[in-house]
Amino acid sequence: MPRTRRIYFVVVLFFIIIFTLTQNMDKVFYRVWYLNGFINTLEANNISCYDNKTSNTLEELHHPTFDSSIFFLETSCHSRPGVHLLPRQACAVESAAKMNPNSDVYVLFPSPIIDNMSLSSPAVQQLYKYPNIKLRHINMETYFKNTPLETWYSFGMLRTSRWPRSHASDVLRYLTLWKFGGVYLDLDVVVIRSLKNMLNFAGAESGEDVAAGVLSFSHDKNGNDMALSCLTELKKDFRGYDWGYNGPGVITRMLKKKCQTKQIQHMTPETCNGFTVYAPNYFYPVPWRQWNLYFDSNSLNSTMRTIHNSYAIHVWNKFSILANITVGSKQPYGIIASQFCPQVYNNIGAIF
């Protein structure tokens, strides 16, 4: 091969490689962020508190009303007396209760809690003002008993995870909705519109992935069958070494099978047995790559226009946790919090 042709070939190959990497950079960054050891160091792996059956005084979860409840999960281990949530977590809970006054809003803790309101965090104390917010403990052994995952849990599969607390949240959201029906929300989701009469749905995060931060199954046959399919998927193919495989990966894979399509835009109630996959603007109007827009006062007007027709917003806590909101500022997240979680926002000091 002549020298000039070889050079031409190398140059073309170089640009093909650069183009390919550029087109997939978002996915590469996403996977590196979640799968590298840095994240692993941020999350203590000890979940032995789940086995502590003696120190809990928080009321146990008993018989939520089928299909009409909203659920949050806080799967950290707690040793301090009282109930503790970060202000932004409490904001998520308040927003759900405020915008859905006729729904019971449950925050479930597998960690034993010494229930002393006076020792609870200031943000949690604001939640006691809402009669429809219910803080409840779940005994993990009992909670998994007589369910499709009883053997899976008793064999210690959760403890094989590199991120057992995150994966506990993944598994528990599907199990809880299988048990009771209703709506599950992540603790970094702010509800800005009523979810009344909305069941059997999830939200697309992009054109390729369905997210699990906002999720709903009904307790009737259609919804329960869908939830059971998710539990079956978890039971047969749980991957403790893959951060996202057991959460959003489960609902995405299950819907591709049920709806018989790999195209998210083709997942309609007609093709998915009554299940709706809402477009990203419903729950994820600002993509994770642009999470900083919620913290940028210069983007206030454009960000508020972006979320105008949304039902909830996901503020991407994994990325935004170190970014501050100054109370009273024009940062979009702060403006949203002042409207939809005013008790928490106005009573936690200068930084939200």
Protein backbone atom coordinates (compact mmCIF):
# COMPACT_ATOMS: atom_id res chain seq x y z
CA MET A 1 0.00 0.00 0.00
CA PRO A 2 1.48 3.37 -0.99
CA ARG A 3 2.58 5.58 1.89
CA THR A 4 0.03 8.31 1.12
CA ARG A 5 -2.77 5.75 1.12
CA ARG A 6 -1.63 4.37 4.48
CA ILE A 7 -1.64 7.86 5.96
CA TYR A 8 -5.08 8.48 4.50
CA PHE A 9 -6.32 5.20 6.00
CA VAL A 10 -4.91 6.05 9.45
CA VAL A 11 -6.45 9.54 9.41
CA VAL A 12 -9.87 8.21 8.43
CA LEU A 13 -9.69 5.51 11.11
CA PHE A 14 -8.71 8.11 13.71
CA PHE A 15 -11.72 10.28 12.93
CA ILE A 16 -14.06 7.28 12.98
CA ILE A 17 -12.83 6.40 16.47
CA ILE A 18 -13.20 9.99 17.68
CA PHE A 19 -16.71 10.22 16.23
CA THR A 20 -17.76 6.94 17.87
CA LEU A 21 -16.43 7.96 21.27
CA THR A 22 -18.09 11.37 21.01
CA GLN A 23 -21.45 9.88 20.15
CA ASN A 24 -21.28 7.58 23.16
CA MET A 25 -19.55 9.88 25.63
CA ASP A 26 -22.67 10.38 27.72
CA LYS A 27 -23.00 6.63 28.26
CA VAL A 28 -19.29 6.22 28.93
CA PHE A 29 -19.32 8.98 31.54
CA TYR A 30 -22.50 7.68 33.10
CA ARG A 31 -21.11 4.19 33.53
CA VAL A 32 -17.74 5.35 34.80
CA TRP A 33 -19.41 7.65 37.31
CA TYR A 34 -21.51 4.91 38.79
CA LEU A 35 -19.28 1.91 38.47
CA ASN A 36 -15.92 3.17 39.59
CA GLY A 37 -14.63 2.79 43.10
CA PHE A 38 -15.26 6.44 43.98
CA ILE A 39 -18.97 5.89 44.32
CA ASN A 40 -18.31 2.69 46.21
CA THR A 41 -16.38 4.65 48.85
CA LEU A 42 -19.25 7.09 49.29
CA GLU A 43 -21.68 4.36 50.29
CA ALA A 44 -20.90 2.31 53.39
CA ASN A 45 -21.64 -1.29 52.58
CA ASN A 46 -22.80 -2.41 55.99
CA ILE A 47 -26.52 -3.24 56.05
CA SER A 48 -26.40 -5.26 59.25
CA CYS A 49 -28.86 -2.78 60.76
CA TYR A 50 -31.58 -4.47 58.70
CA ASP A 51 -31.22 -7.49 60.99
CA ASN A 52 -31.61 -5.49 64.20
CA LYS A 53 -35.05 -6.43 65.51
CA THR A 54 -34.82 -5.03 69.04
CA SER A 55 -34.17 -1.28 68.92
CA ASN A 56 -36.93 -0.08 66.62
CA THR A 57 -39.79 1.97 68.07
CA LEU A 58 -41.08 3.47 64.80
CA GLU A 59 -44.51 2.14 63.87
CA GLU A 60 -44.45 -0.79 61.48
CA LEU A 61 -46.07 -0.57 58.06
CA HIS A 62 -49.54 -2.10 58.12
CA HIS A 63 -51.96 -2.42 55.20
CA PRO A 64 -51.64 0.76 53.12
CA THR A 65 -54.70 1.47 51.01
CA PHE A 66 -54.29 -0.33 47.71
CA ASP A 67 -53.43 1.88 44.72
CA SER A 68 -53.85 5.22 46.50
CA SER A 69 -50.57 5.48 48.40
CA ILE A 70 -47.26 7.11 47.48
CA PHE A 71 -44.05 5.46 48.71
CA PHE A 72 -40.53 6.66 49.39
CA LEU A 73 -37.67 4.49 50.65
CA GLU A 74 -34.75 5.52 52.86
CA THR A 75 -32.42 2.54 53.05
CA SER A 76 -29.50 3.98 55.04
CA CYS A 77 -28.58 2.63 58.46
CA HIS A 78 -29.33 4.99 61.35
CA SER A 79 -27.90 5.00 64.85
CA ARG A 80 -29.09 8.37 66.17
CA PRO A 81 -32.42 8.64 67.99
CA GLY A 82 -35.19 10.22 65.97
CA VAL A 83 -36.02 10.18 62.27
CA HIS A 84 -33.46 11.81 59.99
CA LEU A 85 -33.80 12.99 56.42
CA LEU A 86 -31.77 15.56 54.57
CA PRO A 87 -33.67 18.79 53.77
CA ARG A 88 -33.92 17.95 50.06
CA GLN A 89 -35.21 14.47 50.87
CA ALA A 90 -37.81 15.96 53.20
CA CYS A 91 -38.71 18.43 50.44
CA ALA A 92 -39.51 15.53 48.11
CA VAL A 93 -41.80 14.00 50.72
CA GLU A 94 -43.53 17.29 51.51
CA SER A 95 -44.11 18.04 47.83
CA ALA A 96 -45.81 14.67 47.33
CA ALA A 97 -48.06 15.23 50.36
CA LYS A 98 -48.84 18.84 49.47
CA MET A 99 -49.77 18.09 45.86
CA ASN A 100 -51.67 14.90 46.74
CA PRO A 101 -53.57 15.69 49.96
CA ASN A 102 -55.92 12.72 49.54
CA SER A 103 -53.11 10.18 49.27
CA ASP A 104 -51.16 8.67 52.12
CA VAL A 105 -47.47 9.37 51.64
CA TYR A 106 -45.25 6.73 53.24
CA VAL A 107 -41.54 6.95 53.97
CA LEU A 108 -40.28 3.43 54.65
CA PHE A 109 -37.16 2.68 56.71
CA PRO A 110 -35.63 -0.82 56.91
CA SER A 111 -33.22 0.52 59.51
CA PRO A 112 -34.53 0.40 63.10
CA ILE A 113 -35.57 3.86 64.29
CA ILE A 114 -36.01 5.20 67.79
CA ASP A 115 -39.09 7.33 67.19
CA ASN A 116 -38.60 10.56 69.13
CA MET A 117 -40.01 13.57 67.32
CA SER A 118 -38.03 16.05 69.42
CA LEU A 119 -34.79 14.36 68.34
CA SER A 120 -35.70 14.11 64.66
CA SER A 121 -33.91 16.33 62.18
CA PRO A 122 -35.39 19.84 61.72
CA ALA A 123 -36.53 19.01 58.19
CA VAL A 124 -38.39 15.91 59.39
CA GLN A 125 -40.11 17.90 62.13
CA GLN A 126 -41.73 19.98 59.39
CA LEU A 127 -43.21 16.81 57.88
CA TYR A 128 -45.17 16.07 61.04
CA LYS A 129 -47.38 19.02 60.07
CA TYR A 130 -48.91 16.95 57.26
CA PRO A 131 -51.50 14.40 58.40
CA ASN A 132 -51.06 12.31 55.25
CA ILE A 133 -47.32 11.75 55.76
CA LYS A 134 -46.60 8.47 57.52
CA LEU A 135 -43.11 7.40 58.60
CA ARG A 136 -42.96 3.62 58.93
CA HIS A 137 -40.47 0.86 59.64
CA ILE A 138 -40.30 -2.36 57.64
CA ASN A 139 -38.85 -5.56 59.05
CA MET A 140 -36.98 -6.92 56.04
CA GLU A 141 -37.33 -10.59 56.93
CA THR A 142 -41.07 -10.21 57.44
CA TYR A 143 -41.48 -7.92 54.43
CA PHE A 144 -40.01 -10.48 52.03
CA LYS A 145 -41.85 -13.42 53.56
CA ASN A 146 -44.49 -15.04 51.32
CA THR A 147 -43.37 -13.03 48.31
CA PRO A 148 -41.65 -14.09 45.07
CA LEU A 149 -38.35 -12.86 46.57
CA GLU A 150 -38.53 -14.64 49.92
CA THR A 151 -35.90 -17.23 49.01
CA TRP A 152 -33.80 -14.67 47.15
CA TYR A 153 -33.58 -12.51 50.27
CA SER A 154 -33.15 -15.34 52.76
CA PHE A 155 -30.22 -16.67 50.71
CA GLY A 156 -28.48 -13.33 51.20
CA MET A 157 -28.44 -12.20 47.58
CA LEU A 158 -28.72 -8.53 48.56
CA ARG A 159 -25.47 -8.84 50.51
CA THR A 160 -23.61 -9.82 47.34
CA SER A 161 -24.06 -6.29 46.02
CA ARG A 162 -21.32 -3.70 45.80
CA TRP A 163 -24.02 -1.13 46.60
CA PRO A 164 -26.42 -2.98 48.92
CA ARG A 165 -28.27 0.10 50.13
CA SER A 166 -28.91 1.39 46.63
CA HIS A 167 -29.91 -2.05 45.45
CA ALA A 168 -32.12 -2.49 48.51
CA SER A 169 -34.01 0.57 47.32
CA ASP A 170 -34.24 -0.88 43.80
CA VAL A 171 -35.63 -4.20 45.01
CA LEU A 172 -37.95 -2.72 47.62
CA ARG A 173 -39.66 -0.34 45.18
CA TYR A 174 -40.76 -3.22 42.97
CA LEU A 175 -41.70 -5.40 45.93
CA THR A 176 -43.71 -2.62 47.60
CA LEU A 177 -45.68 -1.86 44.45
CA TRP A 178 -46.31 -5.58 43.94
CA LYS A 179 -47.69 -5.80 47.47
CA PHE A 180 -49.85 -2.68 47.55
CA GLY A 181 -49.97 -0.92 44.20
CA GLY A 182 -49.59 2.85 44.07
CA VAL A 183 -46.73 5.16 43.18
CA TYR A 184 -43.06 5.02 44.09
CA LEU A 185 -40.86 8.15 44.06
CA ASP A 186 -37.14 8.67 44.58
CA LEU A 187 -36.15 11.00 47.41
CA ASP A 188 -34.72 13.49 44.91
CA VAL A 189 -38.00 13.90 43.03
CA VAL A 190 -40.06 17.04 43.66
CA VAL A 191 -43.75 16.66 42.78
CA ILE A 192 -45.19 19.79 41.16
CA ARG A 193 -48.57 18.49 39.99
CA SER A 194 -51.15 16.09 41.36
CA LEU A 195 -50.65 12.41 40.54
CA LYS A 196 -54.29 11.62 41.28
CA ASN A 197 -55.75 8.74 39.24
CA MET A 198 -52.38 8.00 37.64
CA LEU A 199 -51.46 4.30 37.82
CA ASN A 200 -49.40 1.87 35.75
CA PHE A 201 -46.76 4.19 34.42
CA ALA A 202 -43.10 5.07 34.33
CA GLY A 203 -41.18 7.88 32.70
CA ALA A 204 -38.66 7.74 29.92
CA GLU A 205 -35.36 9.33 30.81
CA SER A 206 -34.26 9.39 27.18
CA GLY A 207 -35.10 7.81 23.86
CA GLU A 208 -33.33 4.63 24.98
CA ASP A 209 -34.03 4.17 28.69
CA VAL A 210 -37.02 4.01 30.99
CA ALA A 211 -36.18 5.34 34.46
CA ALA A 212 -37.32 3.94 37.80
CA GLY A 213 -37.31 7.14 39.87
CA VAL A 214 -41.05 7.59 39.30
CA LEU A 215 -42.89 4.32 38.99
CA SER A 216 -46.42 2.99 39.39
CA PHE A 217 -48.22 -0.33 39.27
CA SER A 218 -51.86 -0.93 40.12
CA HIS A 219 -52.89 -3.74 42.45
CA ASP A 220 -55.27 -5.27 39.92
CA LYS A 221 -54.25 -8.10 37.60
CA ASN A 222 -52.66 -5.95 34.89
CA GLY A 223 -50.48 -3.92 37.24
CA ASN A 224 -49.71 -6.82 39.54
CA ASP A 225 -48.60 -8.97 36.60
CA MET A 226 -46.24 -6.22 35.46
CA ALA A 227 -44.80 -5.86 38.96
CA LEU A 228 -44.42 -9.63 39.22
CA SER A 229 -42.50 -9.65 35.95
CA CYS A 230 -40.06 -7.14 37.46
CA LEU A 231 -39.62 -9.29 40.59
CA THR A 232 -39.07 -12.36 38.44
CA GLU A 233 -36.44 -10.50 36.44
CA LEU A 234 -34.69 -9.46 39.65
CA LYS A 235 -34.80 -12.97 41.05
CA LYS A 236 -33.28 -14.65 38.02
CA ASP A 237 -30.77 -11.98 36.99
CA PHE A 238 -29.76 -9.78 39.94
CA ARG A 239 -26.34 -8.27 39.34
CA GLY A 240 -24.76 -6.82 42.43
CA TYR A 241 -21.75 -5.55 40.49
CA ASP A 242 -23.81 -3.33 38.17
CA TRP A 243 -25.22 -0.15 39.74
CA GLY A 244 -28.15 0.50 37.38
CA TYR A 245 -28.99 -3.01 36.19
CA ASN A 246 -31.40 -3.78 39.04
CA GLY A 247 -33.33 -0.51 39.04
CA PRO A 248 -34.01 1.28 35.75
CA GLY A 249 -32.56 -1.71 33.92
CA VAL A 250 -35.32 -3.97 35.22
CA ILE A 251 -38.26 -1.83 34.10
CA THR A 252 -36.59 -1.10 30.75
CA ARG A 253 -35.92 -4.77 29.99
CA MET A 254 -39.35 -5.86 31.19
CA LEU A 255 -41.16 -3.29 29.04
CA LYS A 256 -39.15 -4.19 25.95
CA LYS A 257 -40.39 -7.75 26.39
CA LYS A 258 -43.99 -6.91 27.33
CA CYS A 259 -44.42 -4.23 24.69
CA GLN A 260 -42.51 -6.23 22.06
CA THR A 261 -40.45 -3.25 21.02
CA LYS A 262 -37.03 -1.82 21.78
CA GLN A 263 -38.16 1.68 20.87
CA ILE A 264 -39.28 3.69 23.91
CA GLN A 265 -41.49 5.95 21.78
CA HIS A 266 -43.45 2.88 20.66
CA MET A 267 -44.27 1.83 24.23
CA THR A 268 -47.93 2.87 24.39
CA PRO A 269 -50.85 1.65 26.53
CA GLU A 270 -52.06 -0.24 23.47
CA THR A 271 -48.81 -2.15 23.01
CA CYS A 272 -47.95 -2.45 26.73
CA ASN A 273 -51.17 -3.92 28.16
CA GLY A 274 -52.37 -0.62 29.61
CA PHE A 275 -48.99 0.55 30.91
CA THR A 276 -47.91 4.10 29.98
CA VAL A 277 -44.36 5.28 29.43
CA TYR A 278 -44.46 9.05 29.66
CA ALA A 279 -42.10 11.24 27.67
CA PRO A 280 -39.08 12.69 29.51
CA ASN A 281 -40.74 16.08 30.02
CA TYR A 282 -43.26 14.52 32.46
CA PHE A 283 -40.74 13.60 35.17
CA TYR A 284 -37.23 14.20 33.81
CA PRO A 285 -37.53 17.52 31.95
CA VAL A 286 -33.91 18.44 32.67
CA PRO A 287 -31.55 15.59 31.66
CA TRP A 288 -28.92 14.37 34.10
CA ARG A 289 -26.16 15.87 31.96
CA GLN A 290 -27.68 19.33 32.61
CA TRP A 291 -28.48 18.93 36.31
CA ASN A 292 -26.66 22.18 37.07
CA LEU A 293 -29.49 24.16 35.42
CA TYR A 294 -31.53 23.67 38.60
CA PHE A 295 -28.79 25.53 40.51
CA ASP A 296 -28.05 28.31 38.02
CA SER A 297 -29.92 31.54 38.74
CA ASN A 298 -29.11 32.74 35.23
CA SER A 299 -31.19 29.90 33.81
CA LEU A 300 -34.27 30.60 35.97
CA ASN A 301 -36.64 31.69 33.20
CA SER A 302 -35.64 29.01 30.70
CA THR A 303 -35.67 26.24 33.33
CA MET A 304 -39.10 27.25 34.61
CA ARG A 305 -40.39 27.17 31.04
CA THR A 306 -38.88 23.73 30.57
CA ILE A 307 -40.70 22.28 33.60
CA HIS A 308 -43.96 24.17 33.07
CA ASN A 309 -45.97 21.10 32.01
CA SER A 310 -44.11 18.53 34.10
CA TYR A 311 -45.67 16.47 36.88
CA ALA A 312 -42.44 16.14 38.83
CA ILE A 313 -38.76 16.97 38.48
CA HIS A 314 -35.79 14.75 39.20
CA VAL A 315 -32.88 16.82 40.54
CA TRP A 316 -30.21 14.13 40.07
CA ASN A 317 -28.88 13.96 43.62
CA LYS A 318 -25.97 11.68 42.65
CA PHE A 319 -24.54 14.61 40.69
CA SER A 320 -25.98 17.62 42.51
CA ILE A 321 -25.47 16.60 46.14
CA LEU A 322 -22.55 19.00 46.68
CA ALA A 323 -24.22 21.98 44.97
CA ASN A 324 -25.78 24.48 47.36
CA ILE A 325 -29.06 26.33 47.13
CA THR A 326 -29.12 29.66 48.98
CA VAL A 327 -32.54 30.17 50.53
CA GLY A 328 -34.20 33.20 48.97
CA SER A 329 -32.06 33.13 45.83
CA LYS A 330 -33.28 32.95 42.25
CA GLN A 331 -31.86 29.48 41.71
CA PRO A 332 -34.57 27.40 39.98
CA TYR A 333 -34.48 24.54 42.50
CA GLY A 334 -34.93 27.05 45.32
CA ILE A 335 -37.88 28.71 43.61
CA ILE A 336 -39.47 25.30 43.03
CA ALA A 337 -38.87 24.27 46.66
CA SER A 338 -40.40 27.50 47.98
CA GLN A 339 -43.62 26.66 46.13
CA PHE A 340 -43.89 22.90 46.58
CA CYS A 341 -42.15 22.20 49.90
CA PRO A 342 -42.52 25.53 51.70
CA GLN A 343 -42.47 24.17 55.24
CA VAL A 344 -39.11 22.49 54.77
CA TYR A 345 -37.60 25.19 52.59
CA ASN A 346 -38.50 28.06 54.91
CA ASN A 347 -37.39 26.36 58.11
CA ILE A 348 -33.97 24.84 57.47
CA GLY A 349 -31.69 27.87 57.63
CA ALA A 350 -29.72 29.73 54.98
CA ILE A 351 -28.67 26.76 52.83
CA PHE A 352 -31.08 24.25 51.32
